Amino acid sequence: MKKLTFSQLTFNENNTPVSEQFDDIYFSTQDGLAESYYVFQEGNQLWERWLSHERESFVIAETGFGTGLNFMAVTDKFQQFRAENSTHKLQRLYFLSFEKYPLTSAQLSQIHESYPQFTTLSANLTACWKPRQVGCQRYHFGEIYLDIWFGDIQESLSQWGDLYDEAVDAWFLDGFSPDKNSEMWNERLYQQMFRTTRLNGTFATFTASSNVRRGLQAVGFEVKKRKGFGKKREMLWGTKNTEVESQSQQFPYFYQQNAEHCQDIAIVGGGVASFFLALSLIEKGKKITLYCKDDQVARNASGNLQGAIYPQLSDDDDRNVRFYVHAFDYALQRLNGLKQAVDFEHALTGVALYAYDEKQVKKLTKMAEIMQDDSLFQLCSAEELSEKLGVSVPNSGAFIQEGGWLSPVQLVQNGFALLEKMGLSIVLNHEVCAPQWENRKWHWQHSGETFSHEVLVLANGHSFNEFVQAQGIPLYPVRGQVSQVPTTEKLSPLRCVICYDGYLTPRSSKGLHCIGASHIRDNATTEFSLVEHQENLAKLQQNVTACDWVQGLDLSGNLAKVGIRAAFRDRIPMVGAVPNFEAQKAQYANLYNLLRRKQAVEKAENFTNLYMINGLASRGLTSAPLLGELLASLIVDEPVPISEDIWQALNPNRTWMRKLLKGSRV
């Protein structure tokens, strides 16, 4: 996991923040806010363009987030625009910003004190501000989306990939001055700006540097000058007026198309993945219908009384770790926003990873060396772990202080009830069978009636394999039985989830603890198993030894919940357009040689307007919020909050593409 370097900050005699890394001010000493409005908003003619905008979203990209002043100024202005133009087609603003040396939340708060008009926005931003690793982190502010791409801008722009071709409406070409930050102001930046800018898109910048002007002109921008802010004589702005042919995809075999029409969307499912996808799509103004084959939502794996939420960390898989850390931070933000409107029991008091044998000691030690972030993952002695747990343990371990547990069944059921008030339609006892694409819609029959929608999303766990379109995707079911036991006097003080070769949760409001879970691959039966019930307890007592609080637990009530999870061997979910396996197998039968000879490669053939989220396994509470937002953004053709290399790892055709790229047959 690639670590970040934070900004070294001082203040000059005018109380203007100064970066020690670049020996340059963050904004004008005269009036930073007035400079932001003049240079970037007026320079890009934002208000006038918003009034004439014909899409539902507007995308701004910024080359240096810094103190966040530009973002707060634009947010304030866009909120004003929406208040005055509530029926306008433009509904959402995306603000994409790059930051190599982020400030801390405390530094941001200190600087923002000078702008009391932004007090609420600043408090909301700093409350969820977690610069943890290189890559994208999405933050929600109602109809405004902030994507911070932490890390070097050149690396981040290369990770925008094909999905960002002609995605940006306006650029704020900001950052420290060209003579002090030459690594940013160069041809590679200008080329990427041009590639990602829409036709008639604009840029504005405070500088009038001739090198910058020539660089922007060289890649195709029309560059103009206007009076600079304050004492500055000139500044640059410009437009992309040149119609360019659609650029060839860098990774055509991972091609993902947006939906042809996406106002009316059907979701098949009823669990946590369906909930967060529906939430993201409703926020983006779409009409959503959920089809659930059960008589109530959250009947399967999402119906557990308690579930742990923490990232799936690893000592040998950096890309998966980066995905789960991004997903974890995003999930915490989403849950924090939901808990005001949705009633669900939760306690984010931490998750302990218990070193129950020497192999685990070595693994946890290696993970700590990789993470290098005590706020995320901290090694603990037996004494330290005991103090955090509230009960005594004889072995050391690690602690994830921001993790914890929540009630999945309450979150999903009460969450869907909230979404119904927001316009979601839920159809229960309805099993979608044999959908067919015809006349630009997906159709199927149920009880003699035809149902049809423009877009169909399959988020139905292990039942996904029942669809003919699922061919080639190696999803398998995993039976998991979670036992519930009444608390005891000795067990009741347990404050945190403890994970070993299983897990145990603290006491719920019902006085129960969950012990989980059995793991039986390729098994989709749902009957209670006394053997698995007893094995859950035995595993706890065999791993967490010499502890009196694991003794005397009463299983006689046979309280348990059986859920069928869906998983993949590479331990990471799949999300995106459902790939046409037979078509891609024919398309790419000679892919290895085509790439070796640098010959043209076709875009991947996917089923039109058919999408999936699946394979969340035992980490659905952590991964579902980000997966839902990612897929919603893809469907409606808006910026996606993930880097291209992680996106490829999540791609539904990845299993056979790995073989084809090596020259193997599928």
Foldseek 3Di string as FASTA:
>chain_A
DAFAAAFDWDADPLRFIATPLLRFTQADSVDRLVQLCVFFCVLQVPVVCQVVDDAQEAEEEEEACELVSNVLSVVVVVVVVCVVCVPDSHQAYEYEYEHRHHHALVVSVVVCVVPVVCVVVSVQCNVLDDRQHAAWAWDDDQRYIYIYGYHDPLVQLVQLFDLQFQFHQEYEHEDGDCVRCVVQQDLSNLLSVLRRHHAFGKYGYQDPDPSSVVSNVVNAWDKDWDQHPDPGGIIIMTTRHDDDDRDAGPCLQLDFAAAPDFQWEEEEAQFLLVLLLLVLLLSSPHAYEYEYQAPAGCQFPLQAQKAKAAFDFFLPDVLSRVQLVSLQSNLVSVVVVCVVPFDWDWDQAKEWEFCLDPVQVVTLVSRCVVSVDLQAKAWFAQVRVCVSFQFHFHGTTMMGGRIAMIGSNRCRRRSVVVVVVSNYHYDYSWDFPAWDDDPQWTWGDDPRDIDITNAYEYAHFPCVVRYPLQPPQPKWKWKKKKAKWAADPNQQSGRGWYDYVWIWHHADPVRIIIQIIDTHIRDDDWDQDPVRNVVSLVVVPSRRDPGCRSPPIDCVVSDIGMHMAMADPVQAKAWGFRFRVVVSLVQLLPVQVCVVVVHDGHRGHGDHNYIYIGHCGSNCSSRSNLRSNQRSCRNSSHRRRTTNVSNLVRHSVNVVVVQSNVNHHD
